[in-house]
Amino acid sequence: MLVGVATAVSDHGDPEDTELLALDAATGRERWRVAPGVLPRAVAVAGDRVYTDGRDGRVAALDFQ
């Protein structure tokens, strides 16, 4: 799975306008799309969770079991 920011992020963007997108690495098909509630700086996948740190210092942990 490849995970990244689905919309352009600016320093003055709105977290509600930002989505994380996951693509199947083999087929390129979209697996899921979700608004994390923060403006992402970096995205990390660990186990069954996706973590992203926000530009405002908050962290979002998304569970996809």
PDB file of N, CA and C in Angstrom:
ATOM      1  N   MET A   1       0.843  -1.166   0.000  1.00  0.00           N
ATOM      2  CA  MET A   1       0.000   0.000   0.000  1.00  0.00           C
ATOM      3  C   MET A   1       0.889   1.229   0.000  1.00  0.00           C
ATOM      4  N   LEU A   2       0.539   2.218  -0.788  1.00  0.00           N
ATOM      5  CA  LEU A   2       1.204   3.514  -0.817  1.00  0.00           C
ATOM      6  C   LEU A   2       0.260   4.531  -0.204  1.00  0.00           C
ATOM      7  N   VAL A   3       0.752   5.337   0.723  1.00  0.00           N
ATOM      8  CA  VAL A   3      -0.086   6.325   1.404  1.00  0.00           C
ATOM      9  C   VAL A   3       0.520   7.695   1.205  1.00  0.00           C
ATOM     10  N   GLY A   4      -0.310   8.684   0.886  1.00  0.00           N
ATOM     11  CA  GLY A   4       0.171  10.045   0.722  1.00  0.00           C
ATOM     12  C   GLY A   4      -0.962  11.040   0.822  1.00  0.00           C
ATOM     13  N   VAL A   5      -0.619  12.311   0.713  1.00  0.00           N
ATOM     14  CA  VAL A   5      -1.605  13.390   0.777  1.00  0.00           C
ATOM     15  C   VAL A   5      -2.278  13.494  -0.586  1.00  0.00           C
ATOM     16  N   ALA A   6      -3.613  13.495  -0.587  1.00  0.00           N
ATOM     17  CA  ALA A   6      -4.374  13.468  -1.839  1.00  0.00           C
ATOM     18  C   ALA A   6      -4.647  14.851  -2.397  1.00  0.00           C
ATOM     19  N   THR A   7      -4.542  15.879  -1.580  1.00  0.00           N
ATOM     20  CA  THR A   7      -4.813  17.230  -2.046  1.00  0.00           C
ATOM     21  C   THR A   7      -3.609  18.110  -1.770  1.00  0.00           C
ATOM     22  N   ALA A   8      -3.480  19.186  -2.522  1.00  0.00           N
ATOM     23  CA  ALA A   8      -2.366  20.099  -2.314  1.00  0.00           C
ATOM     24  C   ALA A   8      -2.476  20.740  -0.940  1.00  0.00           C
ATOM     25  N   VAL A   9      -1.369  20.771  -0.226  1.00  0.00           N
ATOM     26  CA  VAL A   9      -1.350  21.339   1.115  1.00  0.00           C
ATOM     27  C   VAL A   9      -0.537  22.621   1.090  1.00  0.00           C
ATOM     28  N   SER A  10      -1.103  23.697   1.609  1.00  0.00           N
ATOM     29  CA  SER A  10      -0.358  24.947   1.732  1.00  0.00           C
ATOM     30  C   SER A  10      -0.210  25.269   3.207  1.00  0.00           C
ATOM     31  N   ASP A  11       0.652  26.188   3.518  1.00  0.00           N
ATOM     32  CA  ASP A  11       0.863  26.564   4.915  1.00  0.00           C
ATOM     33  C   ASP A  11      -0.382  27.165   5.543  1.00  0.00           C
ATOM     34  N   HIS A  12      -1.299  27.658   4.721  1.00  0.00           N
ATOM     35  CA  HIS A  12      -2.502  28.304   5.236  1.00  0.00           C
ATOM     36  C   HIS A  12      -3.755  27.504   4.905  1.00  0.00           C
ATOM     37  N   GLY A  13      -3.590  26.223   4.581  1.00  0.00           N
ATOM     38  CA  GLY A  13      -4.721  25.396   4.192  1.00  0.00           C
ATOM     39  C   GLY A  13      -5.606  25.042   5.368  1.00  0.00           C
ATOM     40  N   ASP A  14      -6.721  24.453   5.048  1.00  0.00           N
ATOM     41  CA  ASP A  14      -7.697  24.032   6.042  1.00  0.00           C
ATOM     42  C   ASP A  14      -7.598  22.518   6.188  1.00  0.00           C
ATOM     43  N   PRO A  15      -7.434  21.993   7.420  1.00  0.00           N
ATOM     44  CA  PRO A  15      -7.352  20.545   7.587  1.00  0.00           C
ATOM     45  C   PRO A  15      -8.555  19.800   7.023  1.00  0.00           C
ATOM     46  N   GLU A  16      -9.706  20.428   7.000  1.00  0.00           N
ATOM     47  CA  GLU A  16     -10.899  19.770   6.470  1.00  0.00           C
ATOM     48  C   GLU A  16     -10.830  19.580   4.961  1.00  0.00           C
ATOM     49  N   ASP A  17      -9.950  20.318   4.269  1.00  0.00           N
ATOM     50  CA  ASP A  17      -9.809  20.190   2.826  1.00  0.00           C
ATOM     51  C   ASP A  17      -8.700  19.222   2.431  1.00  0.00           C
ATOM     52  N   THR A  18      -8.067  18.580   3.400  1.00  0.00           N
ATOM     53  CA  THR A  18      -6.936  17.698   3.142  1.00  0.00           C
ATOM     54  C   THR A  18      -7.335  16.255   3.384  1.00  0.00           C
ATOM     55  N   GLU A  19      -6.921  15.373   2.480  1.00  0.00           N
ATOM     56  CA  GLU A  19      -7.218  13.956   2.620  1.00  0.00           C
ATOM     57  C   GLU A  19      -5.949  13.142   2.477  1.00  0.00           C
ATOM     58  N   LEU A  20      -5.911  12.012   3.168  1.00  0.00           N
ATOM     59  CA  LEU A  20      -4.876  11.019   2.939  1.00  0.00           C
ATOM     60  C   LEU A  20      -5.463   9.976   2.003  1.00  0.00           C
ATOM     61  N   LEU A  21      -4.650   9.480   1.110  1.00  0.00           N
ATOM     62  CA  LEU A  21      -5.080   8.538   0.093  1.00  0.00           C
ATOM     63  C   LEU A  21      -4.181   7.314   0.150  1.00  0.00           C
ATOM     64  N   ALA A  22      -4.754   6.127   0.099  1.00  0.00           N
ATOM     65  CA  ALA A  22      -3.984   4.881   0.050  1.00  0.00           C
ATOM     66  C   ALA A  22      -4.264   4.183  -1.267  1.00  0.00           C
ATOM     67  N   LEU A  23      -3.188   3.806  -1.949  1.00  0.00           N
ATOM     68  CA  LEU A  23      -3.293   3.077  -3.205  1.00  0.00           C
ATOM     69  C   LEU A  23      -2.713   1.685  -3.030  1.00  0.00           C
ATOM     70  N   ASP A  24      -3.326   0.704  -3.662  1.00  0.00           N
ATOM     71  CA  ASP A  24      -2.791  -0.638  -3.682  1.00  0.00           C
ATOM     72  C   ASP A  24      -1.496  -0.603  -4.496  1.00  0.00           C
ATOM     73  N   ALA A  25      -0.391  -1.053  -3.908  1.00  0.00           N
ATOM     74  CA  ALA A  25       0.908  -0.971  -4.571  1.00  0.00           C
ATOM     75  C   ALA A  25       0.975  -1.827  -5.828  1.00  0.00           C
ATOM     76  N   ALA A  26       0.225  -2.918  -5.877  1.00  0.00           N
ATOM     77  CA  ALA A  26       0.266  -3.815  -7.035  1.00  0.00           C
ATOM     78  C   ALA A  26      -0.603  -3.340  -8.190  1.00  0.00           C
ATOM     79  N   THR A  27      -1.793  -2.815  -7.871  1.00  0.00           N
ATOM     80  CA  THR A  27      -2.747  -2.478  -8.932  1.00  0.00           C
ATOM     81  C   THR A  27      -2.902  -0.984  -9.170  1.00  0.00           C
ATOM     82  N   GLY A  28      -2.518  -0.163  -8.181  1.00  0.00           N
ATOM     83  CA  GLY A  28      -2.711   1.277  -8.298  1.00  0.00           C
ATOM     84  C   GLY A  28      -4.122   1.727  -7.961  1.00  0.00           C
ATOM     85  N   ARG A  29      -4.977   0.821  -7.577  1.00  0.00           N
ATOM     86  CA  ARG A  29      -6.364   1.172  -7.236  1.00  0.00           C
ATOM     87  C   ARG A  29      -6.435   1.821  -5.857  1.00  0.00           C
ATOM     88  N   GLU A  30      -7.384   2.737  -5.729  1.00  0.00           N
ATOM     89  CA  GLU A  30      -7.591   3.409  -4.442  1.00  0.00           C
ATOM     90  C   GLU A  30      -8.142   2.417  -3.423  1.00  0.00           C
ATOM     91  N   ARG A  31      -7.481   2.348  -2.253  1.00  0.00           N
ATOM     92  CA  ARG A  31      -7.954   1.480  -1.163  1.00  0.00           C
ATOM     93  C   ARG A  31      -8.861   2.253  -0.217  1.00  0.00           C
ATOM     94  N   TRP A  32      -8.438   3.485   0.132  1.00  0.00           N
ATOM     95  CA  TRP A  32      -9.254   4.339   0.990  1.00  0.00           C
ATOM     96  C   TRP A  32      -8.791   5.780   0.866  1.00  0.00           C
ATOM     97  N   ARG A  33      -9.660   6.666   1.316  1.00  0.00           N
ATOM     98  CA  ARG A  33      -9.396   8.107   1.339  1.00  0.00           C
ATOM     99  C   ARG A  33     -10.067   8.633   2.598  1.00  0.00           C
ATOM    100  N   VAL A  34      -9.346   9.424   3.404  1.00  0.00           N
ATOM    101  CA  VAL A  34      -9.884   9.893   4.682  1.00  0.00           C
ATOM    102  C   VAL A  34      -9.316  11.277   5.007  1.00  0.00           C
ATOM    103  N   ALA A  35     -10.133  12.095   5.644  1.00  0.00           N
ATOM    104  CA  ALA A  35      -9.676  13.399   6.152  1.00  0.00           C
ATOM    105  C   ALA A  35      -9.083  13.171   7.541  1.00  0.00           C
ATOM    106  N   PRO A  36      -7.769  13.405   7.738  1.00  0.00           N
ATOM    107  CA  PRO A  36      -7.148  13.108   9.027  1.00  0.00           C
ATOM    108  C   PRO A  36      -7.402  14.151  10.106  1.00  0.00           C
ATOM    109  N   GLY A  37      -7.914  15.308   9.741  1.00  0.00           N
ATOM    110  CA  GLY A  37      -8.180  16.353  10.732  1.00  0.00           C
ATOM    111  C   GLY A  37      -6.988  17.230  11.042  1.00  0.00           C
ATOM    112  N   VAL A  38      -5.858  16.988  10.376  1.00  0.00           N
ATOM    113  CA  VAL A  38      -4.667  17.824  10.526  1.00  0.00           C
ATOM    114  C   VAL A  38      -4.103  18.103   9.138  1.00  0.00           C
ATOM    115  N   LEU A  39      -3.257  19.123   9.025  1.00  0.00           N
ATOM    116  CA  LEU A  39      -2.527  19.369   7.778  1.00  0.00           C
ATOM    117  C   LEU A  39      -1.243  18.556   7.824  1.00  0.00           C
ATOM    118  N   PRO A  40      -1.157  17.455   7.094  1.00  0.00           N
ATOM    119  CA  PRO A  40      -0.032  16.533   7.219  1.00  0.00           C
ATOM    120  C   PRO A  40       1.306  17.122   6.789  1.00  0.00           C
ATOM    121  N   ARG A  41       2.350  16.742   7.548  1.00  0.00           N
ATOM    122  CA  ARG A  41       3.730  17.030   7.146  1.00  0.00           C
ATOM    123  C   ARG A  41       4.380  15.741   6.676  1.00  0.00           C
ATOM    124  N   ALA A  42       4.193  14.674   7.438  1.00  0.00           N
ATOM    125  CA  ALA A  42       4.772  13.381   7.094  1.00  0.00           C
ATOM    126  C   ALA A  42       3.751  12.301   7.412  1.00  0.00           C
ATOM    127  N   VAL A  43       3.848  11.199   6.693  1.00  0.00           N
ATOM    128  CA  VAL A  43       2.938  10.074   6.886  1.00  0.00           C
ATOM    129  C   VAL A  43       3.788   8.833   7.134  1.00  0.00           C
ATOM    130  N   ALA A  44       3.388   8.030   8.124  1.00  0.00           N
ATOM    131  CA  ALA A  44       4.087   6.779   8.417  1.00  0.00           C
ATOM    132  C   ALA A  44       3.061   5.682   8.650  1.00  0.00           C
ATOM    133  N   VAL A  45       3.367   4.483   8.155  1.00  0.00           N
ATOM    134  CA  VAL A  45       2.521   3.318   8.384  1.00  0.00           C
ATOM    135  C   VAL A  45       3.271   2.399   9.330  1.00  0.00           C
ATOM    136  N   ALA A  46       2.613   1.995  10.415  1.00  0.00           N
ATOM    137  CA  ALA A  46       3.202   1.071  11.382  1.00  0.00           C
ATOM    138  C   ALA A  46       2.124   0.081  11.805  1.00  0.00           C
ATOM    139  N   GLY A  47       2.359  -1.183  11.527  1.00  0.00           N
ATOM    140  CA  GLY A  47       1.362  -2.201  11.839  1.00  0.00           C
ATOM    141  C   GLY A  47       0.095  -1.953  11.045  1.00  0.00           C
ATOM    142  N   ASP A  48      -1.034  -1.848  11.734  1.00  0.00           N
ATOM    143  CA  ASP A  48      -2.312  -1.609  11.066  1.00  0.00           C
ATOM    144  C   ASP A  48      -2.777  -0.169  11.234  1.00  0.00           C
ATOM    145  N   ARG A  49      -1.842   0.729  11.514  1.00  0.00           N
ATOM    146  CA  ARG A  49      -2.192   2.138  11.692  1.00  0.00           C
ATOM    147  C   ARG A  49      -1.389   3.039  10.773  1.00  0.00           C
ATOM    148  N   VAL A  50      -1.997   4.188  10.455  1.00  0.00           N
ATOM    149  CA  VAL A  50      -1.332   5.233   9.694  1.00  0.00           C
ATOM    150  C   VAL A  50      -1.238   6.441  10.615  1.00  0.00           C
ATOM    151  N   TYR A  51      -0.047   7.002  10.726  1.00  0.00           N
ATOM    152  CA  TYR A  51       0.188   8.178  11.571  1.00  0.00           C
ATOM    153  C   TYR A  51       0.590   9.348  10.697  1.00  0.00           C
ATOM    154  N   THR A  52       0.117  10.517  11.053  1.00  0.00           N
ATOM    155  CA  THR A  52       0.564  11.727  10.378  1.00  0.00           C
ATOM    156  C   THR A  52       0.695  12.838  11.406  1.00  0.00           C
ATOM    157  N   ASP A  53       1.774  13.593  11.289  1.00  0.00           N
ATOM    158  CA  ASP A  53       1.949  14.745  12.180  1.00  0.00           C
ATOM    159  C   ASP A  53       1.465  15.979  11.457  1.00  0.00           C
ATOM    160  N   GLY A  54       0.765  16.826  12.183  1.00  0.00           N
ATOM    161  CA  GLY A  54       0.207  18.024  11.592  1.00  0.00           C
ATOM    162  C   GLY A  54       1.143  19.211  11.709  1.00  0.00           C
ATOM    163  N   ARG A  55       0.951  20.174  10.850  1.00  0.00           N
ATOM    164  CA  ARG A  55       1.758  21.397  10.863  1.00  0.00           C
ATOM    165  C   ARG A  55       1.536  22.212  12.132  1.00  0.00           C
ATOM    166  N   ASP A  56       0.448  21.924  12.850  1.00  0.00           N
ATOM    167  CA  ASP A  56       0.155  22.655  14.083  1.00  0.00           C
ATOM    168  C   ASP A  56       0.629  21.896  15.323  1.00  0.00           C
ATOM    169  N   GLY A  57       1.365  20.784  15.143  1.00  0.00           N
ATOM    170  CA  GLY A  57       1.897  20.026  16.261  1.00  0.00           C
ATOM    171  C   GLY A  57       1.036  18.861  16.701  1.00  0.00           C
ATOM    172  N   ARG A  58      -0.178  18.742  16.172  1.00  0.00           N
ATOM    173  CA  ARG A  58      -1.039  17.613  16.526  1.00  0.00           C
ATOM    174  C   ARG A  58      -0.655  16.380  15.713  1.00  0.00           C
ATOM    175  N   VAL A  59      -1.043  15.209  16.190  1.00  0.00           N
ATOM    176  CA  VAL A  59      -0.790  13.951  15.507  1.00  0.00           C
ATOM    177  C   VAL A  59      -2.115  13.235  15.326  1.00  0.00           C
ATOM    178  N   ALA A  60      -2.286  12.620  14.164  1.00  0.00           N
ATOM    179  CA  ALA A  60      -3.481  11.814  13.908  1.00  0.00           C
ATOM    180  C   ALA A  60      -3.039  10.366  13.733  1.00  0.00           C
ATOM    181  N   ALA A  61      -3.740   9.452  14.396  1.00  0.00           N
ATOM    182  CA  ALA A  61      -3.505   8.021  14.254  1.00  0.00           C
ATOM    183  C   ALA A  61      -4.776   7.399  13.686  1.00  0.00           C
ATOM    184  N   LEU A  62      -4.667   6.755  12.553  1.00  0.00           N
ATOM    185  CA  LEU A  62      -5.823   6.191  11.880  1.00  0.00           C
ATOM    186  C   LEU A  62      -5.715   4.676  11.909  1.00  0.00           C
ATOM    187  N   ASP A  63      -6.760   4.017  12.358  1.00  0.00           N
ATOM    188  CA  ASP A  63      -6.774   2.565  12.523  1.00  0.00           C
ATOM    189  C   ASP A  63      -7.637   1.950  11.428  1.00  0.00           C
ATOM    190  N   PHE A  64      -7.079   1.055  10.641  1.00  0.00           N
ATOM    191  CA  PHE A  64      -7.798   0.447   9.519  1.00  0.00           C
ATOM    192  C   PHE A  64      -7.861  -1.066   9.655  1.00  0.00           C
ATOM    193  N   GLN A  65      -8.266  -1.561  10.801  1.00  0.00           N
ATOM    194  CA  GLN A  65      -8.387  -3.023  10.989  1.00  0.00           C
ATOM    195  C   GLN A  65      -9.601  -3.539  10.288  1.00  0.00           C
TER     196      GLN A  65
END
